[in-house]
């Protein structure tokens, strides 16, 4: 099962769309999901580790996969390639 972490910010205008999209994808695909605010210590540590410079940022199985709001197709492709 894939592990998805979405780095977000309360001041990000695109983050609500990314959150909604990932939550919709959970209906069709099985993966663990968590959201972390980039302003928290955990968020800063993840941002530093993955060189994240913008949010929303999607980290799948420990790898920065998307910056910005991904498309449904790109999410499905990423999950199919990494969920095994």
PDB file of N, CA and C in Angstrom:
ATOM      1  N   UNK A   1       0.852  -1.180   0.000  1.00  0.00           N
ATOM      2  CA  UNK A   1       0.000   0.000   0.000  1.00  0.00           C
ATOM      3  C   UNK A   1       0.894   1.239   0.000  1.00  0.00           C
ATOM      4  N   UNK A   2       0.548   2.199  -0.823  1.00  0.00           N
ATOM      5  CA  UNK A   2       1.308   3.439  -0.910  1.00  0.00           C
ATOM      6  C   UNK A   2       1.057   4.311   0.319  1.00  0.00           C
ATOM      7  N   UNK A   3       2.071   5.093   0.668  1.00  0.00           N
ATOM      8  CA  UNK A   3       1.964   6.077   1.735  1.00  0.00           C
ATOM      9  C   UNK A   3       2.052   7.461   1.110  1.00  0.00           C
ATOM     10  N   UNK A   4       1.004   8.262   1.290  1.00  0.00           N
ATOM     11  CA  UNK A   4       0.947   9.594   0.694  1.00  0.00           C
ATOM     12  C   UNK A   4       0.948  10.634   1.801  1.00  0.00           C
ATOM     13  N   UNK A   5       1.851  11.595   1.691  1.00  0.00           N
ATOM     14  CA  UNK A   5       1.885  12.740   2.597  1.00  0.00           C
ATOM     15  C   UNK A   5       1.706  13.985   1.751  1.00  0.00           C
ATOM     16  N   UNK A   6       0.775  14.823   2.151  1.00  0.00           N
ATOM     17  CA  UNK A   6       0.536  16.077   1.438  1.00  0.00           C
ATOM     18  C   UNK A   6       0.996  17.218   2.336  1.00  0.00           C
ATOM     19  N   UNK A   7       2.000  17.948   1.883  1.00  0.00           N
ATOM     20  CA  UNK A   7       2.459  19.134   2.594  1.00  0.00           C
ATOM     21  C   UNK A   7       1.611  20.310   2.155  1.00  0.00           C
ATOM     22  N   UNK A   8       1.050  21.019   3.122  1.00  0.00           N
ATOM     23  CA  UNK A   8       0.135  22.120   2.839  1.00  0.00           C
ATOM     24  C   UNK A   8       0.483  23.329   3.697  1.00  0.00           C
ATOM     25  N   UNK A   9      -0.195  24.428   3.409  1.00  0.00           N
ATOM     26  CA  UNK A   9      -0.068  25.638   4.213  1.00  0.00           C
ATOM     27  C   UNK A   9      -1.447  26.268   4.336  1.00  0.00           C
ATOM     28  N   UNK A  10      -1.704  26.880   5.478  1.00  0.00           N
ATOM     29  CA  UNK A  10      -3.004  27.525   5.683  1.00  0.00           C
ATOM     30  C   UNK A  10      -3.182  28.748   4.783  1.00  0.00           C
ATOM     31  N   UNK A  11      -2.095  29.286   4.234  1.00  0.00           N
ATOM     32  CA  UNK A  11      -2.182  30.459   3.359  1.00  0.00           C
ATOM     33  C   UNK A  11      -2.146  30.095   1.875  1.00  0.00           C
ATOM     34  N   UNK A  12      -2.125  28.811   1.574  1.00  0.00           N
ATOM     35  CA  UNK A  12      -2.021  28.331   0.194  1.00  0.00           C
ATOM     36  C   UNK A  12      -3.404  28.283  -0.462  1.00  0.00           C
ATOM     37  N   UNK A  13      -3.542  28.948  -1.597  1.00  0.00           N
ATOM     38  CA  UNK A  13      -4.842  28.960  -2.270  1.00  0.00           C
ATOM     39  C   UNK A  13      -5.115  27.672  -3.052  1.00  0.00           C
ATOM     40  N   UNK A  14      -4.076  26.929  -3.426  1.00  0.00           N
ATOM     41  CA  UNK A  14      -4.252  25.686  -4.176  1.00  0.00           C
ATOM     42  C   UNK A  14      -4.385  24.466  -3.268  1.00  0.00           C
ATOM     43  N   UNK A  15      -4.005  24.589  -2.010  1.00  0.00           N
ATOM     44  CA  UNK A  15      -4.008  23.438  -1.097  1.00  0.00           C
ATOM     45  C   UNK A  15      -5.385  22.810  -0.896  1.00  0.00           C
ATOM     46  N   UNK A  16      -6.462  23.587  -0.754  1.00  0.00           N
ATOM     47  CA  UNK A  16      -7.768  22.943  -0.604  1.00  0.00           C
ATOM     48  C   UNK A  16      -8.132  22.040  -1.790  1.00  0.00           C
ATOM     49  N   UNK A  17      -7.770  22.440  -2.986  1.00  0.00           N
ATOM     50  CA  UNK A  17      -8.043  21.598  -4.167  1.00  0.00           C
ATOM     51  C   UNK A  17      -7.246  20.307  -4.109  1.00  0.00           C
ATOM     52  N   UNK A  18      -5.984  20.394  -3.716  1.00  0.00           N
ATOM     53  CA  UNK A  18      -5.153  19.199  -3.616  1.00  0.00           C
ATOM     54  C   UNK A  18      -5.682  18.269  -2.526  1.00  0.00           C
ATOM     55  N   UNK A  19      -6.059  18.823  -1.385  1.00  0.00           N
ATOM     56  CA  UNK A  19      -6.622  18.015  -0.294  1.00  0.00           C
ATOM     57  C   UNK A  19      -7.868  17.282  -0.772  1.00  0.00           C
ATOM     58  N   UNK A  20      -8.754  17.998  -1.425  1.00  0.00           N
ATOM     59  CA  UNK A  20     -10.000  17.408  -1.916  1.00  0.00           C
ATOM     60  C   UNK A  20      -9.725  16.296  -2.918  1.00  0.00           C
ATOM     61  N   UNK A  21      -8.821  16.534  -3.830  1.00  0.00           N
ATOM     62  CA  UNK A  21      -8.498  15.539  -4.848  1.00  0.00           C
ATOM     63  C   UNK A  21      -7.929  14.270  -4.221  1.00  0.00           C
ATOM     64  N   UNK A  22      -6.982  14.404  -3.307  1.00  0.00           N
ATOM     65  CA  UNK A  22      -6.408  13.219  -2.660  1.00  0.00           C
ATOM     66  C   UNK A  22      -7.474  12.458  -1.875  1.00  0.00           C
ATOM     67  N   UNK A  23      -8.365  13.178  -1.204  1.00  0.00           N
ATOM     68  CA  UNK A  23      -9.430  12.513  -0.450  1.00  0.00           C
ATOM     69  C   UNK A  23     -10.386  11.775  -1.385  1.00  0.00           C
ATOM     70  N   UNK A  24     -10.668  12.342  -2.543  1.00  0.00           N
ATOM     71  CA  UNK A  24     -11.510  11.659  -3.528  1.00  0.00           C
ATOM     72  C   UNK A  24     -10.826  10.398  -4.047  1.00  0.00           C
ATOM     73  N   UNK A  25      -9.523  10.459  -4.227  1.00  0.00           N
ATOM     74  CA  UNK A  25      -8.779   9.310  -4.748  1.00  0.00           C
ATOM     75  C   UNK A  25      -8.773   8.150  -3.754  1.00  0.00           C
ATOM     76  N   UNK A  26      -8.930   8.441  -2.477  1.00  0.00           N
ATOM     77  CA  UNK A  26      -8.957   7.376  -1.458  1.00  0.00           C
ATOM     78  C   UNK A  26     -10.197   6.500  -1.602  1.00  0.00           C
ATOM     79  N   UNK A  27     -11.243   7.011  -2.227  1.00  0.00           N
ATOM     80  CA  UNK A  27     -12.453   6.222  -2.440  1.00  0.00           C
ATOM     81  C   UNK A  27     -12.161   5.084  -3.417  1.00  0.00           C
ATOM     82  N   UNK A  28     -11.328   5.358  -4.416  1.00  0.00           N
ATOM     83  CA  UNK A  28     -11.041   4.390  -5.470  1.00  0.00           C
ATOM     84  C   UNK A  28      -9.781   3.565  -5.209  1.00  0.00           C
ATOM     85  N   UNK A  29      -8.813   4.132  -4.511  1.00  0.00           N
ATOM     86  CA  UNK A  29      -7.516   3.490  -4.295  1.00  0.00           C
ATOM     87  C   UNK A  29      -7.240   3.342  -2.810  1.00  0.00           C
ATOM     88  N   UNK A  30      -6.536   2.295  -2.472  1.00  0.00           N
ATOM     89  CA  UNK A  30      -6.163   2.058  -1.080  1.00  0.00           C
ATOM     90  C   UNK A  30      -4.748   2.587  -0.834  1.00  0.00           C
ATOM     91  N   UNK A  31      -4.623   3.584   0.028  1.00  0.00           N
ATOM     92  CA  UNK A  31      -3.318   4.111   0.421  1.00  0.00           C
ATOM     93  C   UNK A  31      -3.470   4.847   1.744  1.00  0.00           C
ATOM     94  N   UNK A  32      -2.383   4.904   2.488  1.00  0.00           N
ATOM     95  CA  UNK A  32      -2.420   5.681   3.723  1.00  0.00           C
ATOM     96  C   UNK A  32      -2.198   7.145   3.345  1.00  0.00           C
ATOM     97  N   UNK A  33      -2.824   8.031   4.088  1.00  0.00           N
ATOM     98  CA  UNK A  33      -2.806   9.450   3.725  1.00  0.00           C
ATOM     99  C   UNK A  33      -2.688  10.303   4.978  1.00  0.00           C
ATOM    100  N   UNK A  34      -1.835  11.302   4.894  1.00  0.00           N
ATOM    101  CA  UNK A  34      -1.778  12.294   5.966  1.00  0.00           C
ATOM    102  C   UNK A  34      -1.433  13.655   5.379  1.00  0.00           C
ATOM    103  N   UNK A  35      -1.912  14.669   6.067  1.00  0.00           N
ATOM    104  CA  UNK A  35      -1.616  16.050   5.690  1.00  0.00           C
ATOM    105  C   UNK A  35      -0.752  16.658   6.777  1.00  0.00           C
ATOM    106  N   UNK A  36       0.263  17.383   6.358  1.00  0.00           N
ATOM    107  CA  UNK A  36       1.144  18.052   7.313  1.00  0.00           C
ATOM    108  C   UNK A  36       1.314  19.497   6.878  1.00  0.00           C
ATOM    109  N   UNK A  37       1.099  20.406   7.815  1.00  0.00           N
ATOM    110  CA  UNK A  37       1.307  21.826   7.534  1.00  0.00           C
ATOM    111  C   UNK A  37       2.805  22.108   7.508  1.00  0.00           C
ATOM    112  N   UNK A  38       3.249  22.793   6.485  1.00  0.00           N
ATOM    113  CA  UNK A  38       4.672  23.055   6.293  1.00  0.00           C
ATOM    114  C   UNK A  38       5.252  23.961   7.387  1.00  0.00           C
ATOM    115  N   UNK A  39       4.386  24.661   8.115  1.00  0.00           N
ATOM    116  CA  UNK A  39       4.875  25.564   9.163  1.00  0.00           C
ATOM    117  C   UNK A  39       5.164  24.834  10.481  1.00  0.00           C
ATOM    118  N   UNK A  40       4.804  23.550  10.570  1.00  0.00           N
ATOM    119  CA  UNK A  40       5.074  22.782  11.787  1.00  0.00           C
ATOM    120  C   UNK A  40       6.497  22.210  11.736  1.00  0.00           C
ATOM    121  N   UNK A  41       7.037  21.800  12.882  1.00  0.00           N
ATOM    122  CA  UNK A  41       8.367  21.175  12.855  1.00  0.00           C
ATOM    123  C   UNK A  41       8.437  19.953  11.932  1.00  0.00           C
ATOM    124  N   UNK A  42       7.410  19.087  11.964  1.00  0.00           N
ATOM    125  CA  UNK A  42       7.385  17.930  11.058  1.00  0.00           C
ATOM    126  C   UNK A  42       7.351  18.374   9.604  1.00  0.00           C
ATOM    127  N   UNK A  43       6.560  19.393   9.323  1.00  0.00           N
ATOM    128  CA  UNK A  43       6.466  19.914   7.957  1.00  0.00           C
ATOM    129  C   UNK A  43       7.774  20.505   7.482  1.00  0.00           C
ATOM    130  N   UNK A  44       8.452  21.240   8.349  1.00  0.00           N
ATOM    131  CA  UNK A  44       9.748  21.825   7.991  1.00  0.00           C
ATOM    132  C   UNK A  44      10.789  20.750   7.730  1.00  0.00           C
ATOM    133  N   UNK A  45      10.770  19.700   8.551  1.00  0.00           N
ATOM    134  CA  UNK A  45      11.725  18.609   8.384  1.00  0.00           C
ATOM    135  C   UNK A  45      11.502  17.910   7.034  1.00  0.00           C
ATOM    136  N   UNK A  46      10.243  17.636   6.703  1.00  0.00           N
ATOM    137  CA  UNK A  46       9.934  17.010   5.405  1.00  0.00           C
ATOM    138  C   UNK A  46      10.314  17.926   4.245  1.00  0.00           C
ATOM    139  N   UNK A  47      10.007  19.204   4.376  1.00  0.00           N
ATOM    140  CA  UNK A  47      10.337  20.161   3.314  1.00  0.00           C
ATOM    141  C   UNK A  47      11.841  20.224   3.089  1.00  0.00           C
ATOM    142  N   UNK A  48      12.602  20.246   4.179  1.00  0.00           N
ATOM    143  CA  UNK A  48      14.058  20.280   4.057  1.00  0.00           C
ATOM    144  C   UNK A  48      14.593  18.993   3.429  1.00  0.00           C
ATOM    145  N   UNK A  49      14.089  17.857   3.886  1.00  0.00           N
ATOM    146  CA  UNK A  49      14.563  16.555   3.398  1.00  0.00           C
ATOM    147  C   UNK A  49      14.304  16.384   1.904  1.00  0.00           C
ATOM    148  N   UNK A  50      13.161  16.904   1.436  1.00  0.00           N
ATOM    149  CA  UNK A  50      12.778  16.711   0.028  1.00  0.00           C
ATOM    150  C   UNK A  50      12.982  17.961  -0.824  1.00  0.00           C
ATOM    151  N   UNK A  51      13.630  18.981  -0.259  1.00  0.00           N
ATOM    152  CA  UNK A  51      13.878  20.242  -0.976  1.00  0.00           C
ATOM    153  C   UNK A  51      12.595  20.849  -1.534  1.00  0.00           C
ATOM    154  N   UNK A  52      11.532  20.816  -0.736  1.00  0.00           N
ATOM    155  CA  UNK A  52      10.248  21.379  -1.151  1.00  0.00           C
ATOM    156  C   UNK A  52      10.319  22.898  -1.045  1.00  0.00           C
ATOM    157  N   UNK A  53       9.966  23.572  -2.122  1.00  0.00           N
ATOM    158  CA  UNK A  53       9.986  25.035  -2.154  1.00  0.00           C
ATOM    159  C   UNK A  53       8.603  25.631  -2.367  1.00  0.00           C
ATOM    160  N   UNK A  54       7.600  24.778  -2.576  1.00  0.00           N
ATOM    161  CA  UNK A  54       6.236  25.261  -2.802  1.00  0.00           C
ATOM    162  C   UNK A  54       5.250  24.190  -2.353  1.00  0.00           C
ATOM    163  N   UNK A  55       4.078  24.627  -1.963  1.00  0.00           N
ATOM    164  CA  UNK A  55       2.997  23.711  -1.588  1.00  0.00           C
ATOM    165  C   UNK A  55       1.794  23.990  -2.480  1.00  0.00           C
ATOM    166  N   UNK A  56       0.911  23.029  -2.662  1.00  0.00           N
ATOM    167  CA  UNK A  56       0.923  21.696  -2.094  1.00  0.00           C
ATOM    168  C   UNK A  56       2.008  20.826  -2.718  1.00  0.00           C
ATOM    169  N   UNK A  57       2.573  19.962  -1.888  1.00  0.00           N
ATOM    170  CA  UNK A  57       3.594  19.023  -2.348  1.00  0.00           C
ATOM    171  C   UNK A  57       3.185  17.627  -1.905  1.00  0.00           C
ATOM    172  N   UNK A  58       3.137  16.705  -2.847  1.00  0.00           N
ATOM    173  CA  UNK A  58       2.731  15.331  -2.573  1.00  0.00           C
ATOM    174  C   UNK A  58       3.958  14.437  -2.530  1.00  0.00           C
ATOM    175  N   UNK A  59       4.113  13.750  -1.404  1.00  0.00           N
ATOM    176  CA  UNK A  59       5.216  12.820  -1.223  1.00  0.00           C
ATOM    177  C   UNK A  59       4.610  11.416  -1.178  1.00  0.00           C
ATOM    178  N   UNK A  60       5.023  10.578  -2.116  1.00  0.00           N
ATOM    179  CA  UNK A  60       4.508   9.206  -2.181  1.00  0.00           C
ATOM    180  C   UNK A  60       5.657   8.255  -1.875  1.00  0.00           C
ATOM    181  N   UNK A  61       5.447   7.433  -0.850  1.00  0.00           N
ATOM    182  CA  UNK A  61       6.453   6.460  -0.423  1.00  0.00           C
ATOM    183  C   UNK A  61       7.824   7.102  -0.241  1.00  0.00           C
ATOM    184  N   UNK A  62       7.834   8.270   0.421  1.00  0.00           N
ATOM    185  CA  UNK A  62       9.087   8.928   0.752  1.00  0.00           C
ATOM    186  C   UNK A  62       9.760   9.659  -0.380  1.00  0.00           C
ATOM    187  N   UNK A  63       9.048   9.844  -1.480  1.00  0.00           N
ATOM    188  CA  UNK A  63       9.641  10.518  -2.650  1.00  0.00           C
ATOM    189  C   UNK A  63       8.741  11.662  -3.100  1.00  0.00           C
ATOM    190  N   UNK A  64       9.311  12.860  -3.237  1.00  0.00           N
ATOM    191  CA  UNK A  64       8.544  14.000  -3.732  1.00  0.00           C
ATOM    192  C   UNK A  64       8.080  13.678  -5.142  1.00  0.00           C
ATOM    193  N   UNK A  65       6.765  13.624  -5.327  1.00  0.00           N
ATOM    194  CA  UNK A  65       6.202  13.176  -6.594  1.00  0.00           C
ATOM    195  C   UNK A  65       5.505  14.304  -7.345  1.00  0.00           C
ATOM    196  N   UNK A  66       4.788  15.169  -6.623  1.00  0.00           N
ATOM    197  CA  UNK A  66       4.072  16.278  -7.257  1.00  0.00           C
ATOM    198  C   UNK A  66       4.264  17.557  -6.460  1.00  0.00           C
ATOM    199  N   UNK A  67       4.411  18.657  -7.171  1.00  0.00           N
ATOM    200  CA  UNK A  67       4.335  19.989  -6.576  1.00  0.00           C
ATOM    201  C   UNK A  67       3.209  20.689  -7.312  1.00  0.00           C
ATOM    202  N   UNK A  68       2.264  21.227  -6.557  1.00  0.00           N
ATOM    203  CA  UNK A  68       1.064  21.788  -7.149  1.00  0.00           C
ATOM    204  C   UNK A  68      -0.058  20.758  -7.068  1.00  0.00           C
ATOM    205  N   UNK A  69      -1.149  21.041  -7.734  1.00  0.00           N
ATOM    206  CA  UNK A  69      -2.296  20.135  -7.715  1.00  0.00           C
ATOM    207  C   UNK A  69      -2.147  19.160  -8.880  1.00  0.00           C
ATOM    208  N   UNK A  70      -1.948  17.876  -8.575  1.00  0.00           N
ATOM    209  CA  UNK A  70      -1.785  16.900  -9.660  1.00  0.00           C
ATOM    210  C   UNK A  70      -3.111  16.599 -10.344  1.00  0.00           C
ATOM    211  N   UNK A  71      -3.031  16.009 -11.510  1.00  0.00           N
ATOM    212  CA  UNK A  71      -4.245  15.554 -12.195  1.00  0.00           C
ATOM    213  C   UNK A  71      -4.629  14.183 -11.657  1.00  0.00           C
ATOM    214  N   UNK A  72      -5.885  13.820 -11.853  1.00  0.00           N
ATOM    215  CA  UNK A  72      -6.328  12.482 -11.448  1.00  0.00           C
ATOM    216  C   UNK A  72      -5.504  11.409 -12.164  1.00  0.00           C
ATOM    217  N   UNK A  73      -5.258  11.614 -13.441  1.00  0.00           N
ATOM    218  CA  UNK A  73      -4.500  10.633 -14.224  1.00  0.00           C
ATOM    219  C   UNK A  73      -3.090  10.459 -13.675  1.00  0.00           C
ATOM    220  N   UNK A  74      -2.441  11.553 -13.323  1.00  0.00           N
ATOM    221  CA  UNK A  74      -1.076  11.440 -12.819  1.00  0.00           C
ATOM    222  C   UNK A  74      -1.049  10.767 -11.452  1.00  0.00           C
ATOM    223  N   UNK A  75      -2.062  11.003 -10.636  1.00  0.00           N
ATOM    224  CA  UNK A  75      -2.147  10.326  -9.339  1.00  0.00           C
ATOM    225  C   UNK A  75      -2.338   8.828  -9.551  1.00  0.00           C
ATOM    226  N   UNK A  76      -3.260   8.466 -10.428  1.00  0.00           N
ATOM    227  CA  UNK A  76      -3.515   7.047 -10.679  1.00  0.00           C
ATOM    228  C   UNK A  76      -2.268   6.344 -11.201  1.00  0.00           C
ATOM    229  N   UNK A  77      -1.552   6.997 -12.080  1.00  0.00           N
ATOM    230  CA  UNK A  77      -0.316   6.416 -12.626  1.00  0.00           C
ATOM    231  C   UNK A  77       0.728   6.253 -11.519  1.00  0.00           C
ATOM    232  N   UNK A  78       0.871   7.250 -10.677  1.00  0.00           N
ATOM    233  CA  UNK A  78       1.854   7.179  -9.589  1.00  0.00           C
ATOM    234  C   UNK A  78       1.488   6.096  -8.589  1.00  0.00           C
ATOM    235  N   UNK A  79       0.218   5.985  -8.262  1.00  0.00           N
ATOM    236  CA  UNK A  79      -0.217   4.956  -7.303  1.00  0.00           C
ATOM    237  C   UNK A  79      -0.065   3.554  -7.893  1.00  0.00           C
ATOM    238  N   UNK A  80      -0.345   3.401  -9.161  1.00  0.00           N
ATOM    239  CA  UNK A  80      -0.234   2.094  -9.803  1.00  0.00           C
ATOM    240  C   UNK A  80       1.217   1.641  -9.836  1.00  0.00           C
ATOM    241  N   UNK A  81       2.111   2.580 -10.017  1.00  0.00           N
ATOM    242  CA  UNK A  81       3.526   2.247 -10.107  1.00  0.00           C
ATOM    243  C   UNK A  81       4.197   2.044  -8.780  1.00  0.00           C
ATOM    244  N   UNK A  82       3.559   2.484  -7.691  1.00  0.00           N
ATOM    245  CA  UNK A  82       4.227   2.451  -6.396  1.00  0.00           C
ATOM    246  C   UNK A  82       3.465   1.705  -5.315  1.00  0.00           C
ATOM    247  N   UNK A  83       2.290   1.189  -5.629  1.00  0.00           N
ATOM    248  CA  UNK A  83       1.478   0.613  -4.555  1.00  0.00           C
ATOM    249  C   UNK A  83       1.801  -0.840  -4.240  1.00  0.00           C
ATOM    250  N   UNK A  84       2.668  -1.469  -5.036  1.00  0.00           N
ATOM    251  CA  UNK A  84       2.968  -2.870  -4.842  1.00  0.00           C
ATOM    252  C   UNK A  84       3.916  -3.079  -3.780  1.00  0.00           C
TER     253      UNK A  84
END
